[in-house]
Amino acid sequence: MTLEYTVLDKETGAIRCVGESRHCFLTRDGKPVSLKRNYIEMDRAFREYSEQSQKEE
């Protein structure tokens, strides 16, 4: 999952910086897990949130 950030100046609305961070999900023993295959509802929730956020931009 990649999260993108835009930091705006509160007073002017000018973009001060942009960035992104990448995240993965792990099992309790530290192995990568696919939300799409193993946690379908959670994957769906992340995708819906992402789509909604993009529409608001």
PDB file of N, CA and C in Angstrom:
ATOM      1  N   MET A   1       0.843  -1.147   0.000  1.00  0.00           N
ATOM      2  CA  MET A   1       0.000   0.000   0.000  1.00  0.00           C
ATOM      3  C   MET A   1       0.904   1.230   0.000  1.00  0.00           C
ATOM      4  N   THR A   2       0.607   2.176  -0.868  1.00  0.00           N
ATOM      5  CA  THR A   2       1.359   3.414  -0.932  1.00  0.00           C
ATOM      6  C   THR A   2       0.469   4.564  -0.483  1.00  0.00           C
ATOM      7  N   LEU A   3       0.955   5.345   0.462  1.00  0.00           N
ATOM      8  CA  LEU A   3       0.253   6.536   0.923  1.00  0.00           C
ATOM      9  C   LEU A   3       0.997   7.752   0.403  1.00  0.00           C
ATOM     10  N   GLU A   4       0.263   8.676  -0.171  1.00  0.00           N
ATOM     11  CA  GLU A   4       0.863   9.906  -0.679  1.00  0.00           C
ATOM     12  C   GLU A   4       0.455  11.060   0.217  1.00  0.00           C
ATOM     13  N   TYR A   5       1.385  12.003   0.417  1.00  0.00           N
ATOM     14  CA  TYR A   5       1.150  13.129   1.304  1.00  0.00           C
ATOM     15  C   TYR A   5       1.412  14.438   0.570  1.00  0.00           C
ATOM     16  N   THR A   6       0.602  15.432   0.846  1.00  0.00           N
ATOM     17  CA  THR A   6       0.854  16.794   0.395  1.00  0.00           C
ATOM     18  C   THR A   6       0.661  17.692   1.603  1.00  0.00           C
ATOM     19  N   VAL A   7       1.693  18.439   1.948  1.00  0.00           N
ATOM     20  CA  VAL A   7       1.624  19.348   3.087  1.00  0.00           C
ATOM     21  C   VAL A   7       1.434  20.758   2.547  1.00  0.00           C
ATOM     22  N   LEU A   8       0.348  21.400   3.000  1.00  0.00           N
ATOM     23  CA  LEU A   8       0.006  22.736   2.533  1.00  0.00           C
ATOM     24  C   LEU A   8       0.250  23.770   3.629  1.00  0.00           C
ATOM     25  N   ASP A   9       0.621  24.970   3.215  1.00  0.00           N
ATOM     26  CA  ASP A   9       0.736  26.093   4.134  1.00  0.00           C
ATOM     27  C   ASP A   9      -0.673  26.499   4.554  1.00  0.00           C
ATOM     28  N   LYS A  10      -0.949  26.529   5.837  1.00  0.00           N
ATOM     29  CA  LYS A  10      -2.283  26.829   6.337  1.00  0.00           C
ATOM     30  C   LYS A  10      -2.755  28.221   5.917  1.00  0.00           C
ATOM     31  N   GLU A  11      -1.855  29.169   5.896  1.00  0.00           N
ATOM     32  CA  GLU A  11      -2.215  30.554   5.581  1.00  0.00           C
ATOM     33  C   GLU A  11      -2.425  30.788   4.089  1.00  0.00           C
ATOM     34  N   THR A  12      -1.519  30.271   3.259  1.00  0.00           N
ATOM     35  CA  THR A  12      -1.556  30.583   1.832  1.00  0.00           C
ATOM     36  C   THR A  12      -2.108  29.464   0.959  1.00  0.00           C
ATOM     37  N   GLY A  13      -2.113  28.258   1.496  1.00  0.00           N
ATOM     38  CA  GLY A  13      -2.537  27.118   0.697  1.00  0.00           C
ATOM     39  C   GLY A  13      -1.449  26.597  -0.233  1.00  0.00           C
ATOM     40  N   ALA A  14      -0.263  27.211  -0.175  1.00  0.00           N
ATOM     41  CA  ALA A  14       0.852  26.786  -1.030  1.00  0.00           C
ATOM     42  C   ALA A  14       1.351  25.408  -0.608  1.00  0.00           C
ATOM     43  N   ILE A  15       1.753  24.622  -1.580  1.00  0.00           N
ATOM     44  CA  ILE A  15       2.330  23.308  -1.298  1.00  0.00           C
ATOM     45  C   ILE A  15       3.728  23.501  -0.722  1.00  0.00           C
ATOM     46  N   ARG A  16       3.949  22.929   0.445  1.00  0.00           N
ATOM     47  CA  ARG A  16       5.259  23.024   1.101  1.00  0.00           C
ATOM     48  C   ARG A  16       6.118  21.800   0.839  1.00  0.00           C
ATOM     49  N   CYS A  17       5.502  20.647   0.750  1.00  0.00           N
ATOM     50  CA  CYS A  17       6.249  19.436   0.408  1.00  0.00           C
ATOM     51  C   CYS A  17       5.278  18.327   0.038  1.00  0.00           C
ATOM     52  N   VAL A  18       5.786  17.358  -0.692  1.00  0.00           N
ATOM     53  CA  VAL A  18       5.012  16.174  -1.043  1.00  0.00           C
ATOM     54  C   VAL A  18       5.872  14.962  -0.739  1.00  0.00           C
ATOM     55  N   GLY A  19       5.231  13.843  -0.516  1.00  0.00           N
ATOM     56  CA  GLY A  19       5.990  12.633  -0.234  1.00  0.00           C
ATOM     57  C   GLY A  19       5.092  11.417  -0.300  1.00  0.00           C
ATOM     58  N   GLU A  20       5.698  10.273  -0.102  1.00  0.00           N
ATOM     59  CA  GLU A  20       4.942   9.034  -0.068  1.00  0.00           C
ATOM     60  C   GLU A  20       5.659   8.049   0.819  1.00  0.00           C
ATOM     61  N   SER A  21       4.899   7.112   1.335  1.00  0.00           N
ATOM     62  CA  SER A  21       5.475   6.021   2.110  1.00  0.00           C
ATOM     63  C   SER A  21       4.803   4.736   1.646  1.00  0.00           C
ATOM     64  N   ARG A  22       5.557   3.680   1.673  1.00  0.00           N
ATOM     65  CA  ARG A  22       5.053   2.380   1.238  1.00  0.00           C
ATOM     66  C   ARG A  22       4.991   1.444   2.431  1.00  0.00           C
ATOM     67  N   HIS A  23       3.891   0.709   2.505  1.00  0.00           N
ATOM     68  CA  HIS A  23       3.640  -0.153   3.653  1.00  0.00           C
ATOM     69  C   HIS A  23       3.228  -1.544   3.171  1.00  0.00           C
ATOM     70  N   CYS A  24       3.523  -2.527   3.989  1.00  0.00           N
ATOM     71  CA  CYS A  24       3.056  -3.879   3.701  1.00  0.00           C
ATOM     72  C   CYS A  24       2.416  -4.440   4.972  1.00  0.00           C
ATOM     73  N   PHE A  25       1.736  -5.519   4.826  1.00  0.00           N
ATOM     74  CA  PHE A  25       1.075  -6.167   5.941  1.00  0.00           C
ATOM     75  C   PHE A  25       1.763  -7.496   6.197  1.00  0.00           C
ATOM     76  N   LEU A  26       1.950  -7.805   7.471  1.00  0.00           N
ATOM     77  CA  LEU A  26       2.676  -9.017   7.857  1.00  0.00           C
ATOM     78  C   LEU A  26       1.808  -9.896   8.742  1.00  0.00           C
ATOM     79  N   THR A  27       2.097 -11.196   8.691  1.00  0.00           N
ATOM     80  CA  THR A  27       1.465 -12.124   9.620  1.00  0.00           C
ATOM     81  C   THR A  27       2.133 -11.940  10.978  1.00  0.00           C
ATOM     82  N   ARG A  28       1.607 -12.597  11.992  1.00  0.00           N
ATOM     83  CA  ARG A  28       2.197 -12.474  13.329  1.00  0.00           C
ATOM     84  C   ARG A  28       3.644 -12.967  13.374  1.00  0.00           C
ATOM     85  N   ASP A  29       4.003 -13.871  12.473  1.00  0.00           N
ATOM     86  CA  ASP A  29       5.385 -14.363  12.460  1.00  0.00           C
ATOM     87  C   ASP A  29       6.268 -13.600  11.475  1.00  0.00           C
ATOM     88  N   GLY A  30       5.792 -12.453  10.980  1.00  0.00           N
ATOM     89  CA  GLY A  30       6.626 -11.563  10.176  1.00  0.00           C
ATOM     90  C   GLY A  30       6.661 -11.837   8.690  1.00  0.00           C
ATOM     91  N   LYS A  31       5.815 -12.712   8.197  1.00  0.00           N
ATOM     92  CA  LYS A  31       5.794 -13.002   6.762  1.00  0.00           C
ATOM     93  C   LYS A  31       4.793 -12.083   6.057  1.00  0.00           C
ATOM     94  N   PRO A  32       5.142 -11.601   4.850  1.00  0.00           N
ATOM     95  CA  PRO A  32       4.210 -10.743   4.103  1.00  0.00           C
ATOM     96  C   PRO A  32       2.900 -11.480   3.809  1.00  0.00           C
ATOM     97  N   VAL A  33       1.808 -10.731   3.830  1.00  0.00           N
ATOM     98  CA  VAL A  33       0.502 -11.319   3.559  1.00  0.00           C
ATOM     99  C   VAL A  33      -0.217 -10.444   2.528  1.00  0.00           C
ATOM    100  N   SER A  34      -0.932 -11.073   1.635  1.00  0.00           N
ATOM    101  CA  SER A  34      -1.717 -10.367   0.631  1.00  0.00           C
ATOM    102  C   SER A  34      -3.118 -10.112   1.176  1.00  0.00           C
ATOM    103  N   LEU A  35      -3.451  -8.832   1.355  1.00  0.00           N
ATOM    104  CA  LEU A  35      -4.808  -8.508   1.798  1.00  0.00           C
ATOM    105  C   LEU A  35      -5.821  -8.972   0.766  1.00  0.00           C
ATOM    106  N   LYS A  36      -5.483  -8.781  -0.502  1.00  0.00           N
ATOM    107  CA  LYS A  36      -6.406  -9.120  -1.584  1.00  0.00           C
ATOM    108  C   LYS A  36      -6.815 -10.596  -1.535  1.00  0.00           C
ATOM    109  N   ARG A  37      -5.885 -11.460  -1.182  1.00  0.00           N
ATOM    110  CA  ARG A  37      -6.178 -12.897  -1.142  1.00  0.00           C
ATOM    111  C   ARG A  37      -6.655 -13.385   0.223  1.00  0.00           C
ATOM    112  N   ASN A  38      -6.110 -12.810   1.296  1.00  0.00           N
ATOM    113  CA  ASN A  38      -6.362 -13.371   2.624  1.00  0.00           C
ATOM    114  C   ASN A  38      -7.343 -12.569   3.477  1.00  0.00           C
ATOM    115  N   TYR A  39      -7.464 -11.280   3.196  1.00  0.00           N
ATOM    116  CA  TYR A  39      -8.334 -10.409   3.994  1.00  0.00           C
ATOM    117  C   TYR A  39      -9.154  -9.545   3.043  1.00  0.00           C
ATOM    118  N   ILE A  40     -10.066 -10.172   2.363  1.00  0.00           N
ATOM    119  CA  ILE A  40     -10.817  -9.538   1.279  1.00  0.00           C
ATOM    120  C   ILE A  40     -11.563  -8.297   1.747  1.00  0.00           C
ATOM    121  N   GLU A  41     -12.218  -8.350   2.894  1.00  0.00           N
ATOM    122  CA  GLU A  41     -12.981  -7.194   3.390  1.00  0.00           C
ATOM    123  C   GLU A  41     -12.077  -6.011   3.706  1.00  0.00           C
ATOM    124  N   MET A  42     -10.920  -6.275   4.296  1.00  0.00           N
ATOM    125  CA  MET A  42      -9.987  -5.206   4.612  1.00  0.00           C
ATOM    126  C   MET A  42      -9.444  -4.588   3.324  1.00  0.00           C
ATOM    127  N   ASP A  43      -9.116  -5.420   2.354  1.00  0.00           N
ATOM    128  CA  ASP A  43      -8.640  -4.935   1.065  1.00  0.00           C
ATOM    129  C   ASP A  43      -9.700  -4.053   0.410  1.00  0.00           C
ATOM    130  N   ARG A  44     -10.932  -4.480   0.436  1.00  0.00           N
ATOM    131  CA  ARG A  44     -12.032  -3.709  -0.149  1.00  0.00           C
ATOM    132  C   ARG A  44     -12.167  -2.349   0.552  1.00  0.00           C
ATOM    133  N   ALA A  45     -12.059  -2.331   1.868  1.00  0.00           N
ATOM    134  CA  ALA A  45     -12.176  -1.077   2.622  1.00  0.00           C
ATOM    135  C   ALA A  45     -11.060  -0.103   2.246  1.00  0.00           C
ATOM    136  N   PHE A  46      -9.827  -0.581   2.125  1.00  0.00           N
ATOM    137  CA  PHE A  46      -8.720   0.285   1.722  1.00  0.00           C
ATOM    138  C   PHE A  46      -8.938   0.835   0.320  1.00  0.00           C
ATOM    139  N   ARG A  47      -9.385  -0.014  -0.596  1.00  0.00           N
ATOM    140  CA  ARG A  47      -9.611   0.428  -1.979  1.00  0.00           C
ATOM    141  C   ARG A  47     -10.730   1.466  -2.058  1.00  0.00           C
ATOM    142  N   GLU A  48     -11.813   1.257  -1.323  1.00  0.00           N
ATOM    143  CA  GLU A  48     -12.918   2.215  -1.320  1.00  0.00           C
ATOM    144  C   GLU A  48     -12.470   3.551  -0.745  1.00  0.00           C
ATOM    145  N   TYR A  49     -11.695   3.511   0.326  1.00  0.00           N
ATOM    146  CA  TYR A  49     -11.190   4.741   0.924  1.00  0.00           C
ATOM    147  C   TYR A  49     -10.294   5.480  -0.072  1.00  0.00           C
ATOM    148  N   SER A  50      -9.428   4.738  -0.741  1.00  0.00           N
ATOM    149  CA  SER A  50      -8.523   5.338  -1.719  1.00  0.00           C
ATOM    150  C   SER A  50      -9.296   5.984  -2.866  1.00  0.00           C
ATOM    151  N   GLU A  51     -10.287   5.295  -3.376  1.00  0.00           N
ATOM    152  CA  GLU A  51     -11.092   5.843  -4.470  1.00  0.00           C
ATOM    153  C   GLU A  51     -11.827   7.103  -4.031  1.00  0.00           C
ATOM    154  N   GLN A  52     -12.389   7.093  -2.827  1.00  0.00           N
ATOM    155  CA  GLN A  52     -13.094   8.248  -2.309  1.00  0.00           C
ATOM    156  C   GLN A  52     -12.156   9.437  -2.131  1.00  0.00           C
ATOM    157  N   SER A  53     -10.955   9.172  -1.631  1.00  0.00           N
ATOM    158  CA  SER A  53      -9.974  10.241  -1.430  1.00  0.00           C
ATOM    159  C   SER A  53      -9.579  10.882  -2.746  1.00  0.00           C
ATOM    160  N   GLN A  54      -9.433  10.079  -3.794  1.00  0.00           N
ATOM    161  CA  GLN A  54      -9.053  10.607  -5.102  1.00  0.00           C
ATOM    162  C   GLN A  54     -10.160  11.456  -5.699  1.00  0.00           C
ATOM    163  N   LYS A  55     -11.404  11.103  -5.451  1.00  0.00           N
ATOM    164  CA  LYS A  55     -12.532  11.885  -5.946  1.00  0.00           C
ATOM    165  C   LYS A  55     -12.603  13.250  -5.291  1.00  0.00           C
ATOM    166  N   GLU A  56     -12.182  13.344  -4.038  1.00  0.00           N
ATOM    167  CA  GLU A  56     -12.246  14.591  -3.291  1.00  0.00           C
ATOM    168  C   GLU A  56     -11.163  15.573  -3.707  1.00  0.00           C
ATOM    169  N   GLU A  57     -10.146  15.126  -4.414  1.00  0.00           N
ATOM    170  CA  GLU A  57      -9.040  16.012  -4.816  1.00  0.00           C
ATOM    171  C   GLU A  57      -9.429  16.937  -5.912  1.00  0.00           C
TER     172      GLU A  57
END
